[in-house]
PDB file of N, CA and C in Angstrom:
ATOM      1  N   MET A   1     132.563  80.714 175.355  1.00  0.00           N
ATOM      2  CA  MET A   1     131.455  81.401 174.740  1.00  0.00           C
ATOM      3  C   MET A   1     131.641  82.914 174.830  1.00  0.00           C
ATOM      4  N   LYS A   2     132.153  83.392 175.997  1.00  0.00           N
ATOM      5  CA  LYS A   2     132.388  84.830 176.154  1.00  0.00           C
ATOM      6  C   LYS A   2     133.371  85.347 175.111  1.00  0.00           C
ATOM      7  N   GLN A   3     134.421  84.547 174.840  1.00  0.00           N
ATOM      8  CA  GLN A   3     135.434  84.968 173.873  1.00  0.00           C
ATOM      9  C   GLN A   3     134.839  85.070 172.474  1.00  0.00           C
ATOM     10  N   LEU A   4     133.937  84.160 172.128  1.00  0.00           N
ATOM     11  CA  LEU A   4     133.297  84.185 170.822  1.00  0.00           C
ATOM     12  C   LEU A   4     132.430  85.430 170.675  1.00  0.00           C
ATOM     13  N   ILE A   5     131.679  85.766 171.714  1.00  0.00           N
ATOM     14  CA  ILE A   5     130.831  86.958 171.684  1.00  0.00           C
ATOM     15  C   ILE A   5     131.691  88.213 171.594  1.00  0.00           C
ATOM     16  N   LEU A   6     132.788  88.261 172.372  1.00  0.00           N
ATOM     17  CA  LEU A   6     133.689  89.403 172.332  1.00  0.00           C
ATOM     18  C   LEU A   6     134.319  89.554 170.950  1.00  0.00           C
ATOM     19  N   ALA A   7     134.756  88.449 170.355  1.00  0.00           N
ATOM     20  CA  ALA A   7     135.353  88.498 169.014  1.00  0.00           C
ATOM     21  C   ALA A   7     134.348  88.995 167.987  1.00  0.00           C
ATOM     22  N   ALA A   8     133.106  88.532 168.068  1.00  0.00           N
ATOM     23  CA  ALA A   8     132.070  88.980 167.137  1.00  0.00           C
ATOM     24  C   ALA A   8     131.789  90.470 167.318  1.00  0.00           C
ATOM     25  N   ALA A   9     131.767  90.934 168.557  1.00  0.00           N
ATOM     26  CA  ALA A   9     131.531  92.354 168.818  1.00  0.00           C
ATOM     27  C   ALA A   9     132.675  93.209 168.272  1.00  0.00           C
ATOM     28  N   CYS A  10     133.904  92.736 168.438  1.00  0.00           N
ATOM     29  CA  CYS A  10     135.068  93.479 167.921  1.00  0.00           C
ATOM     30  C   CYS A  10     135.032  93.553 166.405  1.00  0.00           C
ATOM     31  N   LEU A  11     134.701  92.447 165.748  1.00  0.00           N
ATOM     32  CA  LEU A  11     134.631  92.443 164.285  1.00  0.00           C
ATOM     33  C   LEU A  11     133.536  93.371 163.792  1.00  0.00           C
ATOM     34  N   ALA A  12     132.404  93.399 164.476  1.00  0.00           N
ATOM     35  CA  ALA A  12     131.309  94.278 164.072  1.00  0.00           C
ATOM     36  C   ALA A  12     131.692  95.744 164.246  1.00  0.00           C
ATOM     37  N   ALA A  13     132.575  96.024 165.208  1.00  0.00           N
ATOM     38  CA  ALA A  13     132.970  97.406 165.478  1.00  0.00           C
ATOM     39  C   ALA A  13     134.087  97.886 164.560  1.00  0.00           C
ATOM     40  N   LEU A  14     134.729  96.983 163.838  1.00  0.00           N
ATOM     41  CA  LEU A  14     135.822  97.382 162.949  1.00  0.00           C
ATOM     42  C   LEU A  14     135.313  98.296 161.843  1.00  0.00           C
ATOM     43  N   PRO A  15     136.133  99.262 161.441  1.00  0.00           N
ATOM     44  CA  PRO A  15     135.755 100.083 160.306  1.00  0.00           C
ATOM     45  C   PRO A  15     135.634  99.221 159.051  1.00  0.00           C
ATOM     46  N   LEU A  16     134.850  99.685 158.103  1.00  0.00           N
ATOM     47  CA  LEU A  16     134.653  98.914 156.880  1.00  0.00           C
ATOM     48  C   LEU A  16     135.959  98.615 156.172  1.00  0.00           C
ATOM     49  N   ALA A  17     136.924  99.546 156.232  1.00  0.00           N
ATOM     50  CA  ALA A  17     138.207  99.337 155.556  1.00  0.00           C
ATOM     51  C   ALA A  17     138.914  98.102 156.088  1.00  0.00           C
ATOM     52  N   ALA A  18     138.771  97.818 157.384  1.00  0.00           N
ATOM     53  CA  ALA A  18     139.439  96.661 157.966  1.00  0.00           C
ATOM     54  C   ALA A  18     138.748  95.359 157.573  1.00  0.00           C
ATOM     55  N   GLN A  19     137.507  95.430 157.036  1.00  0.00           N
ATOM     56  CA  GLN A  19     136.789  94.237 156.630  1.00  0.00           C
ATOM     57  C   GLN A  19     136.985  93.946 155.144  1.00  0.00           C
ATOM     58  N   GLU A  20     137.632  94.849 154.424  1.00  0.00           N
ATOM     59  CA  GLU A  20     137.922  94.661 153.009  1.00  0.00           C
ATOM     60  C   GLU A  20     139.133  93.749 152.862  1.00  0.00           C
ATOM     61  N   PRO A  21     139.345  93.200 151.647  1.00  0.00           N
ATOM     62  CA  PRO A  21     140.566  92.420 151.427  1.00  0.00           C
ATOM     63  C   PRO A  21     141.800  93.273 151.741  1.00  0.00           C
ATOM     64  N   ALA A  22     142.785  92.659 152.361  1.00  0.00           N
ATOM     65  CA  ALA A  22     143.959  93.403 152.817  1.00  0.00           C
ATOM     66  C   ALA A  22     145.214  92.955 152.085  1.00  0.00           C
ATOM     67  N   THR A  23     146.144  93.886 151.988  1.00  0.00           N
ATOM     68  CA  THR A  23     147.458  93.640 151.409  1.00  0.00           C
ATOM     69  C   THR A  23     148.486  93.725 152.529  1.00  0.00           C
ATOM     70  N   ARG A  24     149.467  92.870 152.486  1.00  0.00           N
ATOM     71  CA  ARG A  24     150.514  92.876 153.502  1.00  0.00           C
ATOM     72  C   ARG A  24     151.557  93.927 153.158  1.00  0.00           C
ATOM     73  N   GLY A  25     151.807  94.829 154.098  1.00  0.00           N
ATOM     74  CA  GLY A  25     152.858  95.829 153.925  1.00  0.00           C
ATOM     75  C   GLY A  25     154.207  95.221 154.245  1.00  0.00           C
ATOM     76  N   THR A  26     155.273  95.976 154.014  1.00  0.00           N
ATOM     77  CA  THR A  26     156.620  95.495 154.324  1.00  0.00           C
ATOM     78  C   THR A  26     157.005  95.777 155.769  1.00  0.00           C
ATOM     79  N   GLY A  27     156.252  96.639 156.418  1.00  0.00           N
ATOM     80  CA  GLY A  27     156.534  97.013 157.806  1.00  0.00           C
ATOM     81  C   GLY A  27     155.505  98.021 158.266  1.00  0.00           C
ATOM     82  N   ALA A  28     155.825  98.737 159.344  1.00  0.00           N
ATOM     83  CA  ALA A  28     154.879  99.704 159.885  1.00  0.00           C
ATOM     84  C   ALA A  28     155.605 100.833 160.585  1.00  0.00           C
ATOM     85  N   VAL A  29     154.879 101.935 160.732  1.00  0.00           N
ATOM     86  CA  VAL A  29     155.315 103.046 161.565  1.00  0.00           C
ATOM     87  C   VAL A  29     154.378 103.063 162.765  1.00  0.00           C
ATOM     88  N   LEU A  30     154.956 102.953 163.958  1.00  0.00           N
ATOM     89  CA  LEU A  30     154.219 103.023 165.210  1.00  0.00           C
ATOM     90  C   LEU A  30     154.594 104.325 165.895  1.00  0.00           C
ATOM     91  N   ARG A  31     153.755 104.783 166.774  1.00  0.00           N
ATOM     92  CA  ARG A  31     154.090 105.962 167.572  1.00  0.00           C
ATOM     93  C   ARG A  31     154.009 105.566 169.033  1.00  0.00           C
ATOM     94  N   GLY A  32     155.031 105.944 169.790  1.00  0.00           N
ATOM     95  CA  GLY A  32     155.075 105.676 171.219  1.00  0.00           C
ATOM     96  C   GLY A  32     155.009 106.973 171.997  1.00  0.00           C
ATOM     97  N   LEU A  33     154.287 106.952 173.100  1.00  0.00           N
ATOM     98  CA  LEU A  33     154.167 108.105 173.983  1.00  0.00           C
ATOM     99  C   LEU A  33     154.656 107.718 175.364  1.00  0.00           C
ATOM    100  N   ASP A  34     155.612 108.501 175.888  1.00  0.00           N
ATOM    101  CA  ASP A  34     156.027 108.366 177.274  1.00  0.00           C
ATOM    102  C   ASP A  34     155.140 109.319 178.061  1.00  0.00           C
ATOM    103  N   LYS A  35     154.217 108.786 178.845  1.00  0.00           N
ATOM    104  CA  LYS A  35     153.234 109.604 179.559  1.00  0.00           C
ATOM    105  C   LYS A  35     153.870 110.469 180.644  1.00  0.00           C
ATOM    106  N   VAL A  36     155.052 110.100 181.131  1.00  0.00           N
ATOM    107  CA  VAL A  36     155.717 110.872 182.176  1.00  0.00           C
ATOM    108  C   VAL A  36     156.367 112.123 181.591  1.00  0.00           C
ATOM    109  N   SER A  37     157.131 111.952 180.509  1.00  0.00           N
ATOM    110  CA  SER A  37     157.829 113.096 179.912  1.00  0.00           C
ATOM    111  C   SER A  37     156.980 113.823 178.870  1.00  0.00           C
ATOM    112  N   GLY A  38     155.952 113.151 178.359  1.00  0.00           N
ATOM    113  CA  GLY A  38     155.109 113.745 177.312  1.00  0.00           C
ATOM    114  C   GLY A  38     155.719 113.659 175.926  1.00  0.00           C
ATOM    115  N   GLU A  39     156.850 112.979 175.779  1.00  0.00           N
ATOM    116  CA  GLU A  39     157.533 112.875 174.491  1.00  0.00           C
ATOM    117  C   GLU A  39     156.959 111.744 173.649  1.00  0.00           C
ATOM    118  N   THR A  40     156.826 112.017 172.346  1.00  0.00           N
ATOM    119  CA  THR A  40     156.411 110.982 171.405  1.00  0.00           C
ATOM    120  C   THR A  40     157.598 110.593 170.541  1.00  0.00           C
ATOM    121  N   THR A  41     157.607 109.335 170.122  1.00  0.00           N
ATOM    122  CA  THR A  41     158.670 108.799 169.277  1.00  0.00           C
ATOM    123  C   THR A  41     158.044 107.948 168.192  1.00  0.00           C
ATOM    124  N   ASP A  42     158.427 108.175 166.935  1.00  0.00           N
ATOM    125  CA  ASP A  42     157.981 107.313 165.847  1.00  0.00           C
ATOM    126  C   ASP A  42     158.954 106.144 165.724  1.00  0.00           C
ATOM    127  N   LEU A  43     158.395 104.948 165.611  1.00  0.00           N
ATOM    128  CA  LEU A  43     159.169 103.716 165.553  1.00  0.00           C
ATOM    129  C   LEU A  43     158.886 103.020 164.230  1.00  0.00           C
ATOM    130  N   GLU A  44     159.918 102.756 163.446  1.00  0.00           N
ATOM    131  CA  GLU A  44     159.747 102.049 162.174  1.00  0.00           C
ATOM    132  C   GLU A  44     160.202 100.608 162.356  1.00  0.00           C
ATOM    133  N   LEU A  45     159.316  99.688 161.955  1.00  0.00           N
ATOM    134  CA  LEU A  45     159.607  98.260 162.083  1.00  0.00           C
ATOM    135  C   LEU A  45     159.311  97.553 160.777  1.00  0.00           C
ATOM    136  N   ALA A  46     160.154  96.613 160.412  1.00  0.00           N
ATOM    137  CA  ALA A  46     159.868  95.722 159.286  1.00  0.00           C
ATOM    138  C   ALA A  46     159.028  94.573 159.820  1.00  0.00           C
ATOM    139  N   ASN A  47     158.299  93.894 158.944  1.00  0.00           N
ATOM    140  CA  ASN A  47     157.566  92.699 159.368  1.00  0.00           C
ATOM    141  C   ASN A  47     158.555  91.731 160.009  1.00  0.00           C
ATOM    142  N   GLY A  48     158.196  91.201 161.161  1.00  0.00           N
ATOM    143  CA  GLY A  48     159.082  90.308 161.894  1.00  0.00           C
ATOM    144  C   GLY A  48     160.133  91.044 162.701  1.00  0.00           C
ATOM    145  N   GLY A  49     160.082  92.379 162.694  1.00  0.00           N
ATOM    146  CA  GLY A  49     161.089  93.187 163.375  1.00  0.00           C
ATOM    147  C   GLY A  49     160.804  93.399 164.854  1.00  0.00           C
ATOM    148  N   VAL A  50     161.855  93.836 165.543  1.00  0.00           N
ATOM    149  CA  VAL A  50     161.796  94.093 166.982  1.00  0.00           C
ATOM    150  C   VAL A  50     162.426  95.453 167.242  1.00  0.00           C
ATOM    151  N   THR A  51     161.844  96.219 168.166  1.00  0.00           N
ATOM    152  CA  THR A  51     162.435  97.480 168.574  1.00  0.00           C
ATOM    153  C   THR A  51     162.215  97.676 170.064  1.00  0.00           C
ATOM    154  N   GLU A  52     162.957  98.605 170.640  1.00  0.00           N
ATOM    155  CA  GLU A  52     162.825  98.930 172.054  1.00  0.00           C
ATOM    156  C   GLU A  52     162.242 100.336 172.169  1.00  0.00           C
ATOM    157  N   PHE A  53     161.370 100.515 173.161  1.00  0.00           N
ATOM    158  CA  PHE A  53     160.821 101.820 173.479  1.00  0.00           C
ATOM    159  C   PHE A  53     160.713 101.899 174.996  1.00  0.00           C
ATOM    160  N   GLY A  54     161.570 102.729 175.609  1.00  0.00           N
ATOM    161  CA  GLY A  54     161.632 102.749 177.072  1.00  0.00           C
ATOM    162  C   GLY A  54     162.024 101.370 177.568  1.00  0.00           C
ATOM    163  N   ASN A  55     161.234 100.826 178.514  1.00  0.00           N
ATOM    164  CA  ASN A  55     161.523  99.478 178.981  1.00  0.00           C
ATOM    165  C   ASN A  55     160.603  98.443 178.322  1.00  0.00           C
ATOM    166  N   LEU A  56     160.101  98.791 177.133  1.00  0.00           N
ATOM    167  CA  LEU A  56     159.268  97.866 176.374  1.00  0.00           C
ATOM    168  C   LEU A  56     160.033  97.318 175.176  1.00  0.00           C
ATOM    169  N   ARG A  57     159.761  96.065 174.841  1.00  0.00           N
ATOM    170  CA  ARG A  57     160.262  95.467 173.598  1.00  0.00           C
ATOM    171  C   ARG A  57     159.037  95.189 172.739  1.00  0.00           C
ATOM    172  N   ILE A  58     159.044  95.715 171.522  1.00  0.00           N
ATOM    173  CA  ILE A  58     157.908  95.576 170.618  1.00  0.00           C
ATOM    174  C   ILE A  58     158.301  94.657 169.475  1.00  0.00           C
ATOM    175  N   ASP A  59     157.557  93.549 169.328  1.00  0.00           N
ATOM    176  CA  ASP A  59     157.743  92.596 168.231  1.00  0.00           C
ATOM    177  C   ASP A  59     156.546  92.755 167.298  1.00  0.00           C
ATOM    178  N   MET A  60     156.801  93.016 166.028  1.00  0.00           N
ATOM    179  CA  MET A  60     155.703  93.136 165.073  1.00  0.00           C
ATOM    180  C   MET A  60     155.747  91.967 164.105  1.00  0.00           C
ATOM    181  N   THR A  61     154.653  91.226 164.031  1.00  0.00           N
ATOM    182  CA  THR A  61     154.572  90.099 163.117  1.00  0.00           C
ATOM    183  C   THR A  61     154.349  90.592 161.698  1.00  0.00           C
ATOM    184  N   GLU A  62     153.302  91.404 161.508  1.00  0.00           N
ATOM    185  CA  GLU A  62     153.037  91.958 160.175  1.00  0.00           C
ATOM    186  C   GLU A  62     152.089  93.139 160.263  1.00  0.00           C
ATOM    187  N   CYS A  63     152.064  93.911 159.188  1.00  0.00           N
ATOM    188  CA  CYS A  63     151.162  95.047 159.050  1.00  0.00           C
ATOM    189  C   CYS A  63     150.366  94.848 157.761  1.00  0.00           C
ATOM    190  N   ARG A  64     149.078  95.147 157.814  1.00  0.00           N
ATOM    191  CA  ARG A  64     148.208  95.031 156.639  1.00  0.00           C
ATOM    192  C   ARG A  64     147.442  96.320 156.435  1.00  0.00           C
ATOM    193  N   TYR A  65     147.024  96.550 155.192  1.00  0.00           N
ATOM    194  CA  TYR A  65     146.234  97.725 154.849  1.00  0.00           C
ATOM    195  C   TYR A  65     145.231  97.341 153.768  1.00  0.00           C
ATOM    196  N   PRO A  66     144.161  98.144 153.573  1.00  0.00           N
ATOM    197  CA  PRO A  66     143.151  97.800 152.561  1.00  0.00           C
ATOM    198  C   PRO A  66     143.786  97.641 151.179  1.00  0.00           C
ATOM    199  N   GLU A  67     143.360  96.614 150.480  1.00  0.00           N
ATOM    200  CA  GLU A  67     143.888  96.303 149.152  1.00  0.00           C
ATOM    201  C   GLU A  67     143.818  97.518 148.236  1.00  0.00           C
ATOM    202  N   GLY A  68     144.948  97.860 147.628  1.00  0.00           N
ATOM    203  CA  GLY A  68     145.007  98.960 146.677  1.00  0.00           C
ATOM    204  C   GLY A  68     145.036 100.340 147.307  1.00  0.00           C
ATOM    205  N   ASP A  69     145.155 100.435 148.632  1.00  0.00           N
ATOM    206  CA  ASP A  69     145.158 101.741 149.298  1.00  0.00           C
ATOM    207  C   ASP A  69     146.199 101.764 150.416  1.00  0.00           C
ATOM    208  N   PRO A  70     147.496 101.911 150.054  1.00  0.00           N
ATOM    209  CA  PRO A  70     148.548 101.877 151.067  1.00  0.00           C
ATOM    210  C   PRO A  70     148.417 102.963 152.123  1.00  0.00           C
ATOM    211  N   SER A  71     147.751 104.066 151.803  1.00  0.00           N
ATOM    212  CA  SER A  71     147.571 105.120 152.797  1.00  0.00           C
ATOM    213  C   SER A  71     146.312 104.895 153.628  1.00  0.00           C
ATOM    214  N   GLY A  72     145.629 103.761 153.380  1.00  0.00           N
ATOM    215  CA  GLY A  72     144.393 103.447 154.099  1.00  0.00           C
ATOM    216  C   GLY A  72     144.638 102.983 155.518  1.00  0.00           C
ATOM    217  N   ASP A  73     143.591 102.523 156.133  1.00  0.00           N
ATOM    218  CA  ASP A  73     143.592 102.143 157.537  1.00  0.00           C
ATOM    219  C   ASP A  73     144.473 100.915 157.792  1.00  0.00           C
ATOM    220  N   ALA A  74     145.568 101.111 158.504  1.00  0.00           N
ATOM    221  CA  ALA A  74     146.518 100.041 158.789  1.00  0.00           C
ATOM    222  C   ALA A  74     146.117  99.270 160.041  1.00  0.00           C
ATOM    223  N   PHE A  75     146.499  97.989 160.076  1.00  0.00           N
ATOM    224  CA  PHE A  75     146.365  97.199 161.290  1.00  0.00           C
ATOM    225  C   PHE A  75     147.552  96.262 161.370  1.00  0.00           C
ATOM    226  N   ALA A  76     148.125  96.164 162.570  1.00  0.00           N
ATOM    227  CA  ALA A  76     149.354  95.399 162.765  1.00  0.00           C
ATOM    228  C   ALA A  76     149.209  94.441 163.941  1.00  0.00           C
ATOM    229  N   PHE A  77     149.841  93.266 163.808  1.00  0.00           N
ATOM    230  CA  PHE A  77     149.863  92.308 164.911  1.00  0.00           C
ATOM    231  C   PHE A  77     151.124  92.552 165.724  1.00  0.00           C
ATOM    232  N   LEU A  78     150.947  92.900 167.009  1.00  0.00           N
ATOM    233  CA  LEU A  78     152.058  93.256 167.879  1.00  0.00           C
ATOM    234  C   LEU A  78     152.088  92.381 169.129  1.00  0.00           C
ATOM    235  N   ASN A  79     153.289  92.107 169.590  1.00  0.00           N
ATOM    236  CA  ASN A  79     153.529  91.548 170.917  1.00  0.00           C
ATOM    237  C   ASN A  79     154.426  92.549 171.618  1.00  0.00           C
ATOM    238  N   ILE A  80     153.973  93.048 172.773  1.00  0.00           N
ATOM    239  CA  ILE A  80     154.737  94.055 173.509  1.00  0.00           C
ATOM    240  C   ILE A  80     155.069  93.482 174.880  1.00  0.00           C
ATOM    241  N   TRP A  81     156.361  93.473 175.178  1.00  0.00           N
ATOM    242  CA  TRP A  81     156.881  92.890 176.423  1.00  0.00           C
ATOM    243  C   TRP A  81     157.499  93.985 177.280  1.00  0.00           C
ATOM    244  N   GLU A  82     157.281  93.916 178.582  1.00  0.00           N
ATOM    245  CA  GLU A  82     157.971  94.795 179.513  1.00  0.00           C
ATOM    246  C   GLU A  82     159.216  94.063 179.996  1.00  0.00           C
ATOM    247  N   THR A  83     160.312  94.785 180.200  1.00  0.00           N
ATOM    248  CA  THR A  83     161.561  94.186 180.642  1.00  0.00           C
ATOM    249  C   THR A  83     161.331  93.310 181.873  1.00  0.00           C
ATOM    250  N   GLY A  84     161.790  92.070 181.797  1.00  0.00           N
ATOM    251  CA  GLY A  84     161.705  91.144 182.916  1.00  0.00           C
ATOM    252  C   GLY A  84     160.380  90.413 183.053  1.00  0.00           C
ATOM    253  N   ALA A  85     159.403  90.693 182.200  1.00  0.00           N
ATOM    254  CA  ALA A  85     158.089  90.044 182.303  1.00  0.00           C
ATOM    255  C   ALA A  85     158.104  88.672 181.634  1.00  0.00           C
ATOM    256  N   ASP A  86     157.307  87.758 182.183  1.00  0.00           N
ATOM    257  CA  ASP A  86     157.177  86.417 181.611  1.00  0.00           C
ATOM    258  C   ASP A  86     156.138  86.363 180.499  1.00  0.00           C
ATOM    259  N   GLN A  87     155.181  87.278 180.538  1.00  0.00           N
ATOM    260  CA  GLN A  87     154.092  87.333 179.561  1.00  0.00           C
ATOM    261  C   GLN A  87     154.082  88.706 178.899  1.00  0.00           C
ATOM    262  N   PRO A  88     153.643  88.799 177.651  1.00  0.00           N
ATOM    263  CA  PRO A  88     153.552  90.122 177.024  1.00  0.00           C
ATOM    264  C   PRO A  88     152.473  90.966 177.720  1.00  0.00           C
ATOM    265  N   VAL A  89     152.691  92.281 177.765  1.00  0.00           N
ATOM    266  CA  VAL A  89     151.678  93.185 178.314  1.00  0.00           C
ATOM    267  C   VAL A  89     150.614  93.487 177.265  1.00  0.00           C
ATOM    268  N   PHE A  90     150.934  93.184 175.990  1.00  0.00           N
ATOM    269  CA  PHE A  90     149.965  93.314 174.903  1.00  0.00           C
ATOM    270  C   PHE A  90     150.295  92.273 173.854  1.00  0.00           C
ATOM    271  N   SER A  91     149.270  91.635 173.311  1.00  0.00           N
ATOM    272  CA  SER A  91     149.436  90.709 172.207  1.00  0.00           C
ATOM    273  C   SER A  91     148.157  90.729 171.390  1.00  0.00           C
ATOM    274  N   GLY A  92     148.256  91.161 170.131  1.00  0.00           N
ATOM    275  CA  GLY A  92     147.074  91.173 169.282  1.00  0.00           C
ATOM    276  C   GLY A  92     147.175  92.187 168.158  1.00  0.00           C
ATOM    277  N   TRP A  93     146.049  92.330 167.442  1.00  0.00           N
ATOM    278  CA  TRP A  93     145.961  93.277 166.339  1.00  0.00           C
ATOM    279  C   TRP A  93     145.647  94.656 166.885  1.00  0.00           C
ATOM    280  N   MET A  94     146.396  95.657 166.423  1.00  0.00           N
ATOM    281  CA  MET A  94     146.145  97.041 166.782  1.00  0.00           C
ATOM    282  C   MET A  94     145.758  97.763 165.494  1.00  0.00           C
ATOM    283  N   ILE A  95     144.696  98.544 165.547  1.00  0.00           N
ATOM    284  CA  ILE A  95     144.129  99.182 164.356  1.00  0.00           C
ATOM    285  C   ILE A  95     144.374 100.686 164.411  1.00  0.00           C
ATOM    286  N   ALA A  96     144.924 101.242 163.324  1.00  0.00           N
ATOM    287  CA  ALA A  96     145.299 102.651 163.303  1.00  0.00           C
ATOM    288  C   ALA A  96     144.121 103.584 163.565  1.00  0.00           C
ATOM    289  N   SER A  97     142.974 103.325 162.948  1.00  0.00           N
ATOM    290  CA  SER A  97     141.846 104.252 163.091  1.00  0.00           C
ATOM    291  C   SER A  97     141.092 104.078 164.403  1.00  0.00           C
ATOM    292  N   SER A  98     141.338 102.977 165.117  1.00  0.00           N
ATOM    293  CA  SER A  98     140.636 102.709 166.380  1.00  0.00           C
ATOM    294  C   SER A  98     141.622 102.184 167.420  1.00  0.00           C
ATOM    295  N   PRO A  99     142.603 102.994 167.828  1.00  0.00           N
ATOM    296  CA  PRO A  99     143.619 102.481 168.750  1.00  0.00           C
ATOM    297  C   PRO A  99     143.048 102.048 170.096  1.00  0.00           C
ATOM    298  N   ALA A 100     141.927 102.605 170.520  1.00  0.00           N
ATOM    299  CA  ALA A 100     141.342 102.242 171.815  1.00  0.00           C
ATOM    300  C   ALA A 100     140.591 100.909 171.759  1.00  0.00           C
ATOM    301  N   LEU A 101     140.284 100.420 170.553  1.00  0.00           N
ATOM    302  CA  LEU A 101     139.547  99.171 170.412  1.00  0.00           C
ATOM    303  C   LEU A 101     140.319  97.997 171.008  1.00  0.00           C
ATOM    304  N   ASN A 102     141.621  97.970 170.775  1.00  0.00           N
ATOM    305  CA  ASN A 102     142.490  96.936 171.327  1.00  0.00           C
ATOM    306  C   ASN A 102     143.816  97.620 171.647  1.00  0.00           C
ATOM    307  N   ALA A 103     143.897  98.198 172.839  1.00  0.00           N
ATOM    308  CA  ALA A 103     145.007  99.086 173.177  1.00  0.00           C
ATOM    309  C   ALA A 103     145.959  98.457 174.192  1.00  0.00           C
ATOM    310  N   LEU A 104     147.189  98.965 174.186  1.00  0.00           N
ATOM    311  CA  LEU A 104     148.166  98.630 175.209  1.00  0.00           C
ATOM    312  C   LEU A 104     147.705  99.271 176.515  1.00  0.00           C
ATOM    313  N   ASP A 105     147.629  98.489 177.577  1.00  0.00           N
ATOM    314  CA  ASP A 105     147.243  98.995 178.893  1.00  0.00           C
ATOM    315  C   ASP A 105     148.485  99.038 179.763  1.00  0.00           C
ATOM    316  N   HIS A 106     149.162 100.184 179.775  1.00  0.00           N
ATOM    317  CA  HIS A 106     150.408 100.329 180.513  1.00  0.00           C
ATOM    318  C   HIS A 106     150.396 101.656 181.257  1.00  0.00           C
ATOM    319  N   ALA A 107     150.936 101.671 182.467  1.00  0.00           N
ATOM    320  CA  ALA A 107     150.908 102.878 183.297  1.00  0.00           C
ATOM    321  C   ALA A 107     151.743 104.017 182.714  1.00  0.00           C
ATOM    322  N   ARG A 108     152.848 103.709 182.054  1.00  0.00           N
ATOM    323  CA  ARG A 108     153.743 104.773 181.589  1.00  0.00           C
ATOM    324  C   ARG A 108     153.699 105.008 180.082  1.00  0.00           C
ATOM    325  N   TYR A 109     153.489 103.961 179.286  1.00  0.00           N
ATOM    326  CA  TYR A 109     153.634 104.089 177.837  1.00  0.00           C
ATOM    327  C   TYR A 109     152.337 103.813 177.090  1.00  0.00           C
ATOM    328  N   ASP A 110     152.170 104.509 175.977  1.00  0.00           N
ATOM    329  CA  ASP A 110     151.148 104.202 174.979  1.00  0.00           C
ATOM    330  C   ASP A 110     151.878 103.915 173.678  1.00  0.00           C
ATOM    331  N   VAL A 111     151.382 102.963 172.928  1.00  0.00           N
ATOM    332  CA  VAL A 111     151.918 102.643 171.604  1.00  0.00           C
ATOM    333  C   VAL A 111     150.726 102.439 170.690  1.00  0.00           C
ATOM    334  N   TRP A 112     150.784 103.015 169.477  1.00  0.00           N
ATOM    335  CA  TRP A 112     149.713 102.795 168.518  1.00  0.00           C
ATOM    336  C   TRP A 112     150.266 102.786 167.099  1.00  0.00           C
ATOM    337  N   VAL A 113     149.495 102.228 166.180  1.00  0.00           N
ATOM    338  CA  VAL A 113     149.885 102.086 164.777  1.00  0.00           C
ATOM    339  C   VAL A 113     149.538 103.367 164.033  1.00  0.00           C
ATOM    340  N   MET A 114     150.462 103.855 163.238  1.00  0.00           N
ATOM    341  CA  MET A 114     150.227 105.032 162.395  1.00  0.00           C
ATOM    342  C   MET A 114     149.871 104.613 160.968  1.00  0.00           C
ATOM    343  N   ARG A 115     150.739 103.764 160.365  1.00  0.00           N
ATOM    344  CA  ARG A 115     150.526 103.338 158.975  1.00  0.00           C
ATOM    345  C   ARG A 115     151.458 102.172 158.663  1.00  0.00           C
ATOM    346  N   CYS A 116     151.137 101.497 157.563  1.00  0.00           N
ATOM    347  CA  CYS A 116     152.014 100.441 157.057  1.00  0.00           C
ATOM    348  C   CYS A 116     153.024 101.046 156.093  1.00  0.00           C
ATOM    349  N   SER A 117     154.151 100.378 155.953  1.00  0.00           N
ATOM    350  CA  SER A 117     155.121 100.715 154.917  1.00  0.00           C
ATOM    351  C   SER A 117     154.840  99.782 153.750  1.00  0.00           C
ATOM    352  N   SER A 118     155.007 100.287 152.541  1.00  0.00           N
ATOM    353  CA  SER A 118     154.766  99.414 151.379  1.00  0.00           C
ATOM    354  C   SER A 118     155.940  99.461 150.431  1.00  0.00           C
TER     355      SER A 118
END
């Protein structure tokens, strides 16, 4: 029951663009921040692609954006694994306009969605 209430609250908090019909992009641009060095890195991934950032492996299933607006609010389904971990440190949809809504919780790295590729 808690999960249902949480899911309903998350959907209600989504921007209107994320509730509109969506188009699947060909990939996404993510941005990674190393909190220790302060350096940011842009990461380009195709749908189904994998990349490395520090000691993280990022798997992206797909990226979507509002229908007819490729520069609109992107959201991507990501699985993020730390080297040697049995479970992902993040698994779910990440939304470009609300990265804190469903964010990676990691001591050293931040990763967020910038936009979809079309």
